[in-house]
Protein backbone atom coordinates (compact mmCIF):
# COMPACT_ATOMS: atom_id res chain seq x y z
CA MET A 1 0.00 0.00 0.00
CA THR A 2 1.47 3.29 -1.06
CA ASN A 3 1.36 6.47 0.98
CA LYS A 4 -0.71 8.08 -1.77
CA ASN A 5 -3.42 5.41 -1.42
CA LYS A 6 -3.35 5.71 2.37
CA LYS A 7 -3.87 9.47 2.10
CA LYS A 8 -6.74 9.01 -0.37
CA TYR A 9 -8.31 6.42 1.94
CA TRP A 10 -8.03 8.70 4.97
CA LYS A 11 -9.36 11.72 3.05
CA GLU A 12 -12.38 9.76 1.85
CA ASN A 13 -12.93 8.39 5.36
CA GLN A 14 -12.89 11.94 6.76
CA LYS A 15 -15.43 13.03 4.13
CA TYR A 16 -17.83 10.26 5.15
CA LEU A 17 -17.30 11.01 8.83
CA ALA A 18 -18.09 14.69 8.26
CA ILE A 19 -21.30 13.82 6.40
CA ILE A 20 -22.45 11.31 9.02
CA LEU A 21 -21.63 13.60 11.94
CA SER A 22 -23.45 16.46 10.21
CA ILE A 23 -26.56 14.33 9.81
CA TRP A 24 -26.32 13.28 13.45
CA PHE A 25 -25.95 16.92 14.56
CA VAL A 26 -28.89 18.14 12.48
CA VAL A 27 -31.16 15.35 13.70
CA SER A 28 -30.22 15.44 17.38
CA PHE A 29 -29.60 19.16 17.93
CA GLY A 30 -31.64 20.64 15.10
CA PHE A 31 -34.76 18.47 15.18
CA GLY A 32 -34.64 17.83 18.94
CA ILE A 33 -33.90 21.38 20.12
CA ILE A 34 -33.78 24.14 17.50
CA TRP A 35 -36.80 23.18 15.36
CA ALA A 36 -38.67 21.24 18.07
CA ASP A 37 -41.45 23.81 18.39
CA GLU A 38 -42.15 23.78 14.66
CA LEU A 39 -41.98 19.97 14.52
CA ASN A 40 -44.37 19.71 17.48
CA ASN A 41 -47.19 20.71 15.12
CA ILE A 42 -46.81 17.24 13.53
CA LYS A 43 -47.84 14.12 15.44
CA LEU A 44 -46.14 10.73 15.16
CA THR A 45 -47.87 7.79 16.84
CA GLY A 46 -49.67 10.22 19.13
CA PHE A 47 -46.57 12.17 20.16
CA LYS A 48 -45.39 15.55 18.97
CA LEU A 49 -42.62 15.07 16.42
CA GLY A 50 -40.18 17.49 18.10
CA PHE A 51 -40.62 15.66 21.39
CA TRP A 52 -40.22 12.29 19.65
CA PHE A 53 -36.93 13.34 18.02
CA ALA A 54 -35.63 14.70 21.32
CA GLN A 55 -36.51 11.54 23.24
CA GLN A 56 -35.93 8.65 20.87
CA GLY A 57 -35.86 9.65 17.21
CA SER A 58 -32.30 10.92 17.38
CA ILE A 59 -31.22 7.64 19.00
CA TYR A 60 -32.81 5.64 16.17
CA VAL A 61 -31.07 7.82 13.59
CA PHE A 62 -27.78 7.41 15.46
CA VAL A 63 -28.07 3.60 15.35
CA VAL A 64 -28.91 3.70 11.62
CA LEU A 65 -25.88 5.94 11.04
CA ILE A 66 -23.64 3.43 12.83
CA PHE A 67 -24.75 0.65 10.49
CA ALA A 68 -24.44 2.96 7.48
CA TYR A 69 -20.88 3.85 8.53
CA ILE A 70 -20.01 0.16 8.89
CA ARG A 71 -21.30 -0.53 5.38
CA ILE A 72 -19.53 2.50 3.90
CA MET A 73 -16.24 1.59 5.58
CA ASN A 74 -16.44 -2.02 4.41
CA LYS A 75 -16.81 -0.78 0.83
CA LEU A 76 -14.01 1.73 1.33
CA ASP A 77 -11.75 -0.99 2.77
CA LYS A 78 -12.36 -3.15 -0.29
CA LYS A 79 -11.77 -0.23 -2.62
CA TYR A 80 -8.32 0.44 -1.12
CA ASN A 81 -7.49 -3.23 -0.34
CA PHE A 82 -7.58 -2.84 3.44
CA ASP A 83 -10.05 -5.70 3.82
CA LYS A 84 -7.40 -8.39 3.97
């Protein structure tokens, strides 16, 4: 593995991390705190949507993001031959 490939791998990894962390921030902080009042006008299974995101929705999104990151990294590992 050349240093050039390692740098490309790390740069791509950082890009995916930035995207995933941004999604996590928007969902947990944005939906749960900043836009909670606006989202509370919508009901989900009998609960206000802003409340739902603050209490459990952001956790569900976080778990989905973990599995998405695992899948993305497995593909990235194969792409740069780090899967061996």
